[in-house]
């Protein structure tokens, strides 16, 4: 499962929109454990926070 989490985190890193990140999250619910989902959701929130602070690396 850890490999799957890394793959999804990389997809979040490369995502260009919130819609893309939401799609990744929906896919993750079928394959990840609760703790892995929390890590993925935190990564998404961090990316959104960076973009709203004007420090986006997108």
N, C-alpha and C. Protein backbone atom coordinates (compact mmCIF):
# COMPACT_ATOMS: atom_id res chain seq x y z
N UNK A 1 0.81 -1.21 0.00
CA UNK A 1 0.00 0.00 0.00
C UNK A 1 0.85 1.27 0.00
N UNK A 2 2.00 1.22 0.62
CA UNK A 2 2.83 2.42 0.68
C UNK A 2 3.21 2.90 -0.72
N UNK A 3 3.43 1.96 -1.62
CA UNK A 3 3.76 2.32 -3.00
C UNK A 3 2.59 3.07 -3.65
N UNK A 4 1.39 2.61 -3.39
CA UNK A 4 0.19 3.27 -3.92
C UNK A 4 0.07 4.69 -3.36
N UNK A 5 0.35 4.86 -2.08
CA UNK A 5 0.29 6.19 -1.47
C UNK A 5 1.29 7.12 -2.13
N UNK A 6 2.50 6.67 -2.34
CA UNK A 6 3.52 7.50 -2.99
C UNK A 6 3.08 7.91 -4.39
N UNK A 7 2.50 6.97 -5.10
CA UNK A 7 2.02 7.25 -6.45
C UNK A 7 0.95 8.35 -6.43
N UNK A 8 0.02 8.24 -5.50
CA UNK A 8 -1.05 9.24 -5.40
C UNK A 8 -0.51 10.59 -4.94
N UNK A 9 0.45 10.59 -4.02
CA UNK A 9 1.05 11.84 -3.57
C UNK A 9 1.76 12.54 -4.73
N UNK A 10 2.42 11.78 -5.58
CA UNK A 10 3.06 12.37 -6.75
C UNK A 10 2.03 12.96 -7.70
N UNK A 11 0.89 12.29 -7.84
CA UNK A 11 -0.17 12.83 -8.68
C UNK A 11 -0.72 14.13 -8.10
N UNK A 12 -0.84 14.21 -6.78
CA UNK A 12 -1.29 15.45 -6.14
C UNK A 12 -0.28 16.55 -6.41
N UNK A 13 0.98 16.23 -6.28
CA UNK A 13 2.04 17.21 -6.52
C UNK A 13 1.95 17.79 -7.93
N UNK A 14 1.59 16.96 -8.89
CA UNK A 14 1.53 17.39 -10.29
C UNK A 14 0.17 17.98 -10.68
N UNK A 15 -0.82 17.86 -9.83
CA UNK A 15 -2.17 18.33 -10.15
C UNK A 15 -2.18 19.84 -10.35
N UNK A 16 -2.99 20.28 -11.29
CA UNK A 16 -3.09 21.70 -11.61
C UNK A 16 -4.38 22.34 -11.12
N UNK A 17 -5.31 21.53 -10.62
CA UNK A 17 -6.57 22.11 -10.17
C UNK A 17 -7.12 21.32 -8.99
N UNK A 18 -8.03 21.95 -8.27
CA UNK A 18 -8.68 21.29 -7.15
C UNK A 18 -9.51 20.11 -7.66
N UNK A 19 -10.11 20.26 -8.83
CA UNK A 19 -10.89 19.15 -9.40
C UNK A 19 -10.03 17.91 -9.60
N UNK A 20 -8.81 18.10 -10.09
CA UNK A 20 -7.92 16.96 -10.27
C UNK A 20 -7.58 16.32 -8.93
N UNK A 21 -7.35 17.14 -7.92
CA UNK A 21 -7.03 16.60 -6.60
C UNK A 21 -8.22 15.85 -6.00
N UNK A 22 -9.44 16.36 -6.23
CA UNK A 22 -10.63 15.67 -5.74
C UNK A 22 -10.78 14.31 -6.42
N UNK A 23 -10.49 14.24 -7.70
CA UNK A 23 -10.56 12.97 -8.42
C UNK A 23 -9.57 11.97 -7.84
N UNK A 24 -8.37 12.43 -7.54
CA UNK A 24 -7.35 11.57 -6.94
C UNK A 24 -7.84 11.05 -5.59
N UNK A 25 -8.45 11.92 -4.80
CA UNK A 25 -8.96 11.53 -3.48
C UNK A 25 -10.05 10.47 -3.61
N UNK A 26 -10.96 10.66 -4.57
CA UNK A 26 -12.03 9.66 -4.77
C UNK A 26 -11.44 8.30 -5.12
N UNK A 27 -10.42 8.29 -5.97
CA UNK A 27 -9.77 7.03 -6.33
C UNK A 27 -9.10 6.40 -5.10
N UNK A 28 -8.55 7.23 -4.24
CA UNK A 28 -7.79 6.74 -3.08
C UNK A 28 -8.68 6.05 -2.05
N UNK A 29 -9.94 6.46 -1.94
CA UNK A 29 -10.82 5.87 -0.93
C UNK A 29 -10.97 4.36 -1.11
N UNK A 30 -10.82 3.88 -2.33
CA UNK A 30 -10.97 2.45 -2.59
C UNK A 30 -9.72 1.65 -2.24
N UNK A 31 -8.56 2.31 -2.17
CA UNK A 31 -7.31 1.56 -2.07
C UNK A 31 -6.48 1.83 -0.82
N UNK A 32 -6.70 2.94 -0.15
CA UNK A 32 -5.83 3.32 0.97
C UNK A 32 -6.49 3.08 2.32
N UNK A 33 -5.66 2.91 3.34
CA UNK A 33 -6.15 2.81 4.72
C UNK A 33 -6.49 4.21 5.23
N UNK A 34 -7.13 4.27 6.38
CA UNK A 34 -7.50 5.57 6.95
C UNK A 34 -6.29 6.46 7.20
N UNK A 35 -5.22 5.89 7.74
CA UNK A 35 -4.03 6.71 8.02
C UNK A 35 -3.40 7.21 6.72
N UNK A 36 -3.41 6.38 5.68
CA UNK A 36 -2.86 6.82 4.40
C UNK A 36 -3.73 7.89 3.77
N UNK A 37 -5.05 7.77 3.93
CA UNK A 37 -5.96 8.80 3.43
C UNK A 37 -5.71 10.13 4.13
N UNK A 38 -5.43 10.09 5.43
CA UNK A 38 -5.14 11.32 6.16
C UNK A 38 -3.89 11.99 5.62
N UNK A 39 -2.87 11.20 5.31
CA UNK A 39 -1.64 11.75 4.75
C UNK A 39 -1.93 12.40 3.40
N UNK A 40 -2.69 11.73 2.56
CA UNK A 40 -3.03 12.26 1.24
C UNK A 40 -3.84 13.54 1.36
N UNK A 41 -4.84 13.55 2.23
CA UNK A 41 -5.67 14.74 2.41
C UNK A 41 -4.86 15.90 2.96
N UNK A 42 -3.92 15.64 3.85
CA UNK A 42 -3.05 16.69 4.38
C UNK A 42 -2.18 17.28 3.27
N UNK A 43 -1.68 16.44 2.40
CA UNK A 43 -0.86 16.91 1.27
C UNK A 43 -1.69 17.82 0.36
N UNK A 44 -2.94 17.45 0.13
CA UNK A 44 -3.82 18.27 -0.70
C UNK A 44 -4.08 19.61 -0.03
N UNK A 45 -4.38 19.59 1.27
CA UNK A 45 -4.62 20.83 2.00
C UNK A 45 -3.38 21.72 1.99
N UNK A 46 -2.21 21.13 2.14
CA UNK A 46 -0.97 21.90 2.11
C UNK A 46 -0.78 22.56 0.75
N UNK A 47 -1.07 21.84 -0.31
CA UNK A 47 -0.91 22.38 -1.65
C UNK A 47 -1.90 23.53 -1.88
N UNK A 48 -3.13 23.36 -1.44
CA UNK A 48 -4.12 24.43 -1.58
C UNK A 48 -3.70 25.64 -0.76
N UNK A 49 -3.19 25.42 0.46
CA UNK A 49 -2.74 26.51 1.31
C UNK A 49 -1.60 27.28 0.64
N UNK A 50 -0.66 26.58 0.06
CA UNK A 50 0.45 27.25 -0.63
C UNK A 50 -0.07 28.11 -1.78
N UNK A 51 -1.05 27.60 -2.51
CA UNK A 51 -1.56 28.35 -3.66
C UNK A 51 -2.34 29.58 -3.22
N UNK A 52 -3.01 29.52 -2.08
CA UNK A 52 -3.79 30.68 -1.63
C UNK A 52 -2.91 31.72 -0.95
N UNK A 53 -1.70 31.34 -0.57
CA UNK A 53 -0.76 32.30 0.02
C UNK A 53 0.10 32.98 -1.03
N UNK A 54 -0.15 32.69 -2.29
CA UNK A 54 0.64 33.28 -3.35
C UNK A 54 2.02 32.66 -3.48
N UNK A 55 2.21 31.51 -2.87
CA UNK A 55 3.50 30.84 -2.93
C UNK A 55 3.38 29.54 -3.72
N UNK A 56 2.47 29.53 -4.64
CA UNK A 56 2.21 28.30 -5.39
C UNK A 56 3.42 27.87 -6.20
N UNK A 57 3.64 26.56 -6.18
CA UNK A 57 4.70 25.99 -7.01
C UNK A 57 4.10 25.23 -8.18
N UNK A 58 2.88 25.54 -8.52
CA UNK A 58 2.20 24.82 -9.59
C UNK A 58 2.80 25.19 -10.91
